[in-house]
Amino acid sequence: MRILRTIAEVRAAVGAARGAGASVGLVPTMGAFHEGHLSLMRQARAETGLVVVSLFVNPTQFAPNEDLSTYPRDEHRDAALAEAEGVDILFAPSPAEVYPDGFATNVHVAGLTEVLDGASRGAHHFDGVATVVTKLFGIVTPDVAYFGQKDAQQVLVVRRVVRDLDLAVRIEACPIVREPDGLAMSSRNVYLDADARARATALNRALDAAEAVLGSGEHGGERILASARAVLVDASIDAEYLELRDAETLQPVRVVERDALLLVAARVGAARLIDNHLLRAGGAEESRGEAAA
């Protein structure tokens, strides 16, 4: 595996691989790898000839009061894990390489970014995500880019960028990877102490409870949400949001008549955590991270 720091190096390596007939897969990450990241790398390895993993803690998607300075970083560990998964290139640029002096361009996706995490974290968050992902697509020119469905809103934003800007990349959203107790794997889980770690399992249990209500034949959004809310209250968790949204448009859902996303965000101890389930209207089977179309 090669660790590359510059855009020119990545472009040269990708160009050589394409010249030899290889397809290119990209896994964009901010590092602090866990099994969720590794599952994306495995899928990329199985489907593409050249696997590029970007490792870049993107400063533009953090607000001044968020955890940019303390976000977990261990490039040596991450590199060893990526190499073990057969990754070909680890692209680990500096902020100055991605955002050179005078950088003044911003990618904004209207509509999808004003709600949920956009409302909680601010408009800058998804602008930062959309801008850096667009840059990565321009640098790596992947055939396929792999994202985790835990960040469901992010996946929809990236899909919209690709559609609206006619970018020649397929977005593959991969299932959420969970701990044995159901907690969605996240780099921010390292912030949890023992008490918070136990309480955090309530997020997935709340989504399970809501899904059970749908499975019983109840399609009313408020009753579905009420069952989830009760689990969070029992765990003394005050959600930033707990919402039922259309799986494609993120419009609010009052009655589940088509596929919907049930999404939650909450601060548990020192960590801000998110989770979601995709609710299937037909039969109401639970997919726990199956990609929204």
Protein backbone atom coordinates (compact mmCIF):
# COMPACT_ATOMS: atom_id res chain seq x y z
CA MET A 1 0.00 0.00 0.00
CA ARG A 2 1.20 3.48 -0.85
CA ILE A 3 0.58 6.48 1.40
CA LEU A 4 0.29 9.56 -0.80
CA ARG A 5 0.12 13.17 0.39
CA THR A 6 -0.40 15.23 -2.74
CA ILE A 7 -3.08 15.56 -5.38
CA ALA A 8 -0.49 15.19 -8.13
CA GLU A 9 0.70 11.86 -6.71
CA VAL A 10 -2.83 10.48 -6.52
CA ARG A 11 -3.68 11.58 -10.04
CA ALA A 12 -0.54 9.96 -11.39
CA ALA A 13 -1.22 6.68 -9.57
CA VAL A 14 -4.87 6.56 -10.64
CA GLY A 15 -3.93 7.43 -14.22
CA ALA A 16 -1.44 4.56 -14.34
CA ALA A 17 -4.01 2.11 -12.97
CA ARG A 18 -6.63 3.25 -15.45
CA GLY A 19 -4.11 2.87 -18.23
CA ALA A 20 -3.75 -0.75 -17.21
CA GLY A 21 -7.53 -1.22 -17.36
CA ALA A 22 -8.39 -1.01 -13.65
CA SER A 23 -11.62 0.40 -12.30
CA VAL A 24 -11.27 2.73 -9.29
CA GLY A 25 -13.07 2.61 -5.95
CA LEU A 26 -12.92 5.41 -3.38
CA VAL A 27 -13.70 5.20 0.33
CA PRO A 28 -13.79 8.74 1.78
CA THR A 29 -13.02 8.78 5.54
CA MET A 30 -11.88 10.96 8.39
CA GLY A 31 -9.83 8.12 9.87
CA ALA A 32 -10.14 6.50 13.30
CA PHE A 33 -11.05 3.30 11.46
CA HIS A 34 -13.49 0.78 12.89
CA GLU A 35 -15.26 -2.21 11.43
CA GLY A 36 -17.70 0.04 9.58
CA HIS A 37 -14.87 1.65 7.61
CA LEU A 38 -13.23 -1.72 7.02
CA SER A 39 -16.45 -3.16 5.60
CA LEU A 40 -16.47 -0.36 3.01
CA MET A 41 -12.88 -1.15 2.08
CA ARG A 42 -13.72 -4.83 1.68
CA GLN A 43 -16.60 -4.05 -0.66
CA ALA A 44 -14.41 -1.70 -2.68
CA ARG A 45 -11.70 -4.38 -2.84
CA ALA A 46 -14.21 -6.96 -4.08
CA GLU A 47 -15.66 -4.70 -6.76
CA THR A 48 -12.86 -2.50 -8.12
CA GLY A 49 -9.31 -2.91 -9.36
CA LEU A 50 -7.73 0.05 -7.54
CA VAL A 51 -8.90 0.93 -4.02
CA VAL A 52 -8.22 4.44 -2.77
CA VAL A 53 -9.03 5.41 0.81
CA SER A 54 -8.89 9.07 1.72
CA LEU A 55 -7.92 9.92 5.30
CA PHE A 56 -8.69 13.57 5.93
CA VAL A 57 -10.29 15.20 8.96
CA ASN A 58 -12.14 17.86 7.01
CA PRO A 59 -12.05 21.15 8.95
CA THR A 60 -14.78 22.84 6.94
CA GLN A 61 -17.54 20.55 8.23
CA PHE A 62 -16.84 21.34 11.89
CA ALA A 63 -18.27 24.35 13.73
CA PRO A 64 -16.00 26.31 16.12
CA ASN A 65 -17.65 24.63 19.13
CA GLU A 66 -17.30 21.07 17.72
CA ASP A 67 -14.58 18.47 18.19
CA LEU A 68 -12.15 19.19 15.34
CA SER A 69 -9.14 19.55 17.65
CA THR A 70 -9.96 16.40 19.64
CA TYR A 71 -11.31 14.20 16.84
CA PRO A 72 -9.51 10.84 17.18
CA ARG A 73 -6.43 10.58 14.94
CA ASP A 74 -3.97 7.69 14.58
CA GLU A 75 -2.61 7.51 11.07
CA HIS A 76 -0.16 4.70 11.85
CA ARG A 77 -2.95 2.46 13.15
CA ASP A 78 -5.29 3.41 10.32
CA ALA A 79 -2.63 2.71 7.70
CA ALA A 80 -1.98 -0.76 9.12
CA LEU A 81 -5.70 -1.58 9.09
CA ALA A 82 -6.16 -0.30 5.54
CA GLU A 83 -3.17 -2.26 4.31
CA ALA A 84 -4.54 -5.43 5.90
CA GLU A 85 -7.75 -4.95 3.89
CA GLY A 86 -5.83 -4.76 0.62
CA VAL A 87 -6.16 -1.02 0.07
CA ASP A 88 -3.84 0.19 -2.69
CA ILE A 89 -3.58 3.90 -1.88
CA LEU A 90 -4.12 5.80 1.36
CA PHE A 91 -4.52 9.45 0.44
CA ALA A 92 -3.63 11.45 3.55
CA PRO A 93 -3.29 15.10 2.54
CA SER A 94 -2.70 18.14 4.71
CA PRO A 95 -5.44 20.78 5.01
CA ALA A 96 -3.29 23.11 2.91
CA GLU A 97 -3.18 20.53 0.11
CA VAL A 98 -6.98 20.29 0.01
CA TYR A 99 -7.69 23.97 0.72
CA PRO A 100 -4.76 25.98 -0.68
CA ASP A 101 -4.32 29.66 0.08
CA GLY A 102 -7.11 31.64 -1.53
CA PHE A 103 -9.56 28.74 -1.73
CA ALA A 104 -12.97 30.36 -2.19
CA THR A 105 -15.40 27.77 -3.61
CA ASN A 106 -18.28 26.22 -1.73
CA VAL A 107 -20.72 23.47 -2.82
CA HIS A 108 -24.17 23.96 -1.32
CA VAL A 109 -27.08 21.55 -1.73
CA ALA A 110 -30.39 23.28 -1.06
CA GLY A 111 -33.32 21.48 0.51
CA LEU A 112 -31.70 18.35 1.89
CA THR A 113 -29.23 20.20 4.12
CA GLU A 114 -31.44 22.50 6.18
CA VAL A 115 -33.01 19.75 8.31
CA LEU A 116 -31.81 17.12 10.81
CA ASP A 117 -28.00 17.42 11.10
CA GLY A 118 -28.10 20.59 9.02
CA ALA A 119 -30.41 22.19 11.57
CA SER A 120 -28.49 20.81 14.56
CA ARG A 121 -24.93 21.43 13.36
CA GLY A 122 -25.46 24.41 11.08
CA ALA A 123 -25.45 25.04 7.33
CA HIS A 124 -21.64 24.89 7.20
CA HIS A 125 -21.65 21.16 7.96
CA PHE A 126 -23.09 19.81 4.74
CA ASP A 127 -21.47 22.58 2.72
CA GLY A 128 -18.16 21.27 4.04
CA VAL A 129 -19.11 17.67 3.27
CA ALA A 130 -20.36 18.46 -0.24
CA THR A 131 -17.30 20.57 -1.06
CA VAL A 132 -14.68 18.09 0.13
CA VAL A 133 -16.44 15.13 -1.49
CA THR A 134 -16.68 17.00 -4.78
CA LYS A 135 -12.96 17.73 -4.53
CA LEU A 136 -12.16 14.09 -3.80
CA PHE A 137 -14.21 12.98 -6.79
CA GLY A 138 -12.27 15.42 -8.96
CA ILE A 139 -8.92 14.22 -7.61
CA VAL A 140 -9.51 10.46 -7.63
CA THR A 141 -12.13 10.26 -10.43
CA PRO A 142 -13.56 7.02 -8.96
CA ASP A 143 -15.95 4.73 -10.77
CA VAL A 144 -17.61 3.92 -7.43
CA ALA A 145 -17.52 5.71 -4.07
CA TYR A 146 -18.49 3.87 -0.88
CA PHE A 147 -20.28 5.48 2.08
CA GLY A 148 -21.82 4.12 5.28
CA GLN A 149 -25.59 4.30 5.62
CA LYS A 150 -25.20 5.40 9.26
CA ASP A 151 -24.75 8.87 7.78
CA ALA A 152 -28.00 8.57 5.83
CA GLN A 153 -28.49 12.29 5.28
CA GLN A 154 -24.91 12.62 4.05
CA VAL A 155 -25.51 9.83 1.52
CA LEU A 156 -28.55 11.64 0.14
CA VAL A 157 -26.61 14.91 -0.08
CA VAL A 158 -23.74 13.24 -1.95
CA ARG A 159 -26.17 11.52 -4.32
CA ARG A 160 -27.73 14.91 -5.09
CA VAL A 161 -24.31 16.46 -5.77
CA VAL A 162 -23.51 13.64 -8.19
CA ARG A 163 -26.87 13.96 -9.94
CA ASP A 164 -26.94 17.73 -10.17
CA LEU A 165 -23.31 18.14 -11.29
CA ASP A 166 -23.41 15.13 -13.67
CA LEU A 167 -20.45 13.47 -11.99
CA ALA A 168 -19.48 10.09 -13.43
CA VAL A 169 -19.38 8.15 -10.17
CA ARG A 170 -21.75 5.58 -8.68
CA ILE A 171 -22.55 6.05 -4.99
CA GLU A 172 -22.73 2.81 -3.06
CA ALA A 173 -24.30 3.09 0.41
CA CYS A 174 -23.29 0.14 2.58
CA PRO A 175 -25.16 -1.25 5.61
CA ILE A 176 -24.59 0.05 9.11
CA VAL A 177 -22.16 -2.08 11.11
CA ARG A 178 -23.17 -2.52 14.74
CA GLU A 179 -21.65 -3.72 17.99
CA PRO A 180 -23.15 -6.95 19.40
CA ASP A 181 -25.45 -4.85 21.63
CA GLY A 182 -26.73 -2.89 18.63
CA LEU A 183 -24.78 0.34 19.03
CA ALA A 184 -23.85 1.70 15.60
CA MET A 185 -20.08 1.79 15.18
CA SER A 186 -18.70 5.33 15.13
CA SER A 187 -15.30 6.93 15.56
CA ARG A 188 -16.89 9.08 18.27
CA ASN A 189 -17.75 6.03 20.39
CA VAL A 190 -14.29 6.38 21.94
CA TYR A 191 -15.64 9.42 23.81
CA LEU A 192 -18.10 7.26 25.77
CA ASP A 193 -17.36 6.30 29.36
CA ALA A 194 -18.83 3.06 30.73
CA ASP A 195 -22.13 4.63 31.85
CA ALA A 196 -22.64 6.56 28.61
CA ARG A 197 -21.68 3.51 26.56
CA ALA A 198 -24.46 1.49 28.23
CA ARG A 199 -27.01 4.28 27.79
CA ALA A 200 -26.06 4.77 24.14
CA THR A 201 -27.57 1.42 23.22
CA ALA A 202 -30.96 3.05 23.75
CA LEU A 203 -30.66 4.77 20.36
CA ASN A 204 -30.90 1.53 18.41
CA ARG A 205 -33.40 0.06 20.89
CA ALA A 206 -35.61 3.11 20.33
CA LEU A 207 -35.49 2.56 16.59
CA ASP A 208 -36.25 -1.13 17.10
CA ALA A 209 -39.28 -0.23 19.23
CA ALA A 210 -40.60 2.15 16.60
CA GLU A 211 -40.12 -0.44 13.92
CA ALA A 212 -42.02 -3.01 15.94
CA VAL A 213 -44.99 -0.63 16.04
CA LEU A 214 -44.87 -0.33 12.25
CA GLY A 215 -44.56 -4.10 11.99
CA SER A 216 -47.72 -4.50 14.05
CA GLY A 217 -49.64 -2.65 11.35
CA GLU A 218 -49.60 0.88 12.79
CA HIS A 219 -48.51 3.34 10.05
CA GLY A 220 -49.21 6.58 11.91
CA GLY A 221 -46.00 8.55 12.30
CA GLU A 222 -46.74 10.00 15.71
CA ARG A 223 -47.44 6.61 17.30
CA ILE A 224 -44.30 5.18 15.71
CA LEU A 225 -42.21 8.07 17.05
CA ALA A 226 -43.85 7.91 20.49
CA SER A 227 -42.64 4.34 21.01
CA ALA A 228 -39.08 5.36 20.19
CA ARG A 229 -39.28 8.46 22.36
CA ALA A 230 -40.33 6.39 25.36
CA VAL A 231 -37.18 4.25 25.13
CA LEU A 232 -34.97 7.34 25.00
CA VAL A 233 -36.73 8.93 27.97
CA ASP A 234 -36.27 5.72 29.96
CA ALA A 235 -32.52 5.95 29.29
CA SER A 236 -32.46 9.65 30.23
CA ILE A 237 -31.53 10.65 26.70
CA ASP A 238 -32.84 13.95 25.34
CA ALA A 239 -32.67 13.64 21.56
CA GLU A 240 -31.52 16.53 19.40
CA TYR A 241 -33.92 15.10 16.88
CA LEU A 242 -36.02 11.98 16.46
CA GLU A 243 -37.81 12.18 13.14
CA LEU A 244 -39.55 10.18 10.46
CA ARG A 245 -38.57 11.39 6.99
CA ASP A 246 -39.09 10.32 3.40
CA ALA A 247 -36.19 8.08 2.36
CA GLU A 248 -35.48 10.08 -0.80
CA THR A 249 -36.55 13.67 -0.14
CA LEU A 250 -36.24 13.94 3.67
CA GLN A 251 -39.69 15.53 3.77
CA PRO A 252 -41.56 14.87 7.05
CA VAL A 253 -43.68 11.71 7.08
CA ARG A 254 -47.00 11.65 8.93
CA VAL A 255 -48.11 8.25 7.68
CA VAL A 256 -45.69 5.57 6.45
CA GLU A 257 -46.98 4.81 2.98
CA ARG A 258 -43.60 4.49 1.23
CA ASP A 259 -40.05 3.85 2.40
CA ALA A 260 -39.09 6.17 5.23
CA LEU A 261 -36.05 6.91 7.33
CA LEU A 262 -36.37 6.93 11.10
CA LEU A 263 -33.46 9.06 12.30
CA VAL A 264 -32.12 10.01 15.71
CA ALA A 265 -29.32 12.18 17.03
CA ALA A 266 -28.45 12.67 20.68
CA ARG A 267 -25.61 13.70 22.90
CA VAL A 268 -24.79 10.82 25.25
CA GLY A 269 -22.10 11.70 27.73
CA ALA A 270 -19.28 13.37 25.78
CA ALA A 271 -20.34 12.01 22.38
CA ARG A 272 -22.85 13.21 19.83
CA LEU A 273 -24.23 10.07 18.19
CA ILE A 274 -26.53 9.44 15.23
CA ASP A 275 -28.39 6.36 14.03
CA ASN A 276 -31.18 5.45 11.65
CA HIS A 277 -33.34 2.62 10.34
CA LEU A 278 -34.84 2.40 6.88
CA LEU A 279 -38.50 1.48 7.30
CA ARG A 280 -40.06 -0.46 4.46
CA ALA A 281 -43.69 0.48 3.97
CA GLY A 282 -44.55 -2.75 2.17
CA GLY A 283 -44.35 -5.40 4.84
CA ALA A 284 -42.47 -3.07 7.19
CA GLU A 285 -39.39 -5.21 7.28
CA GLU A 286 -36.41 -3.67 8.95
CA SER A 287 -33.24 -3.16 6.94
CA ARG A 288 -30.99 -1.40 9.44
CA GLY A 289 -28.89 0.56 7.06
CA GLU A 290 -29.89 -0.74 3.66
CA ALA A 291 -29.24 2.10 1.23
CA ALA A 292 -32.04 4.46 0.41
CA ALA A 293 -32.45 4.69 -3.34
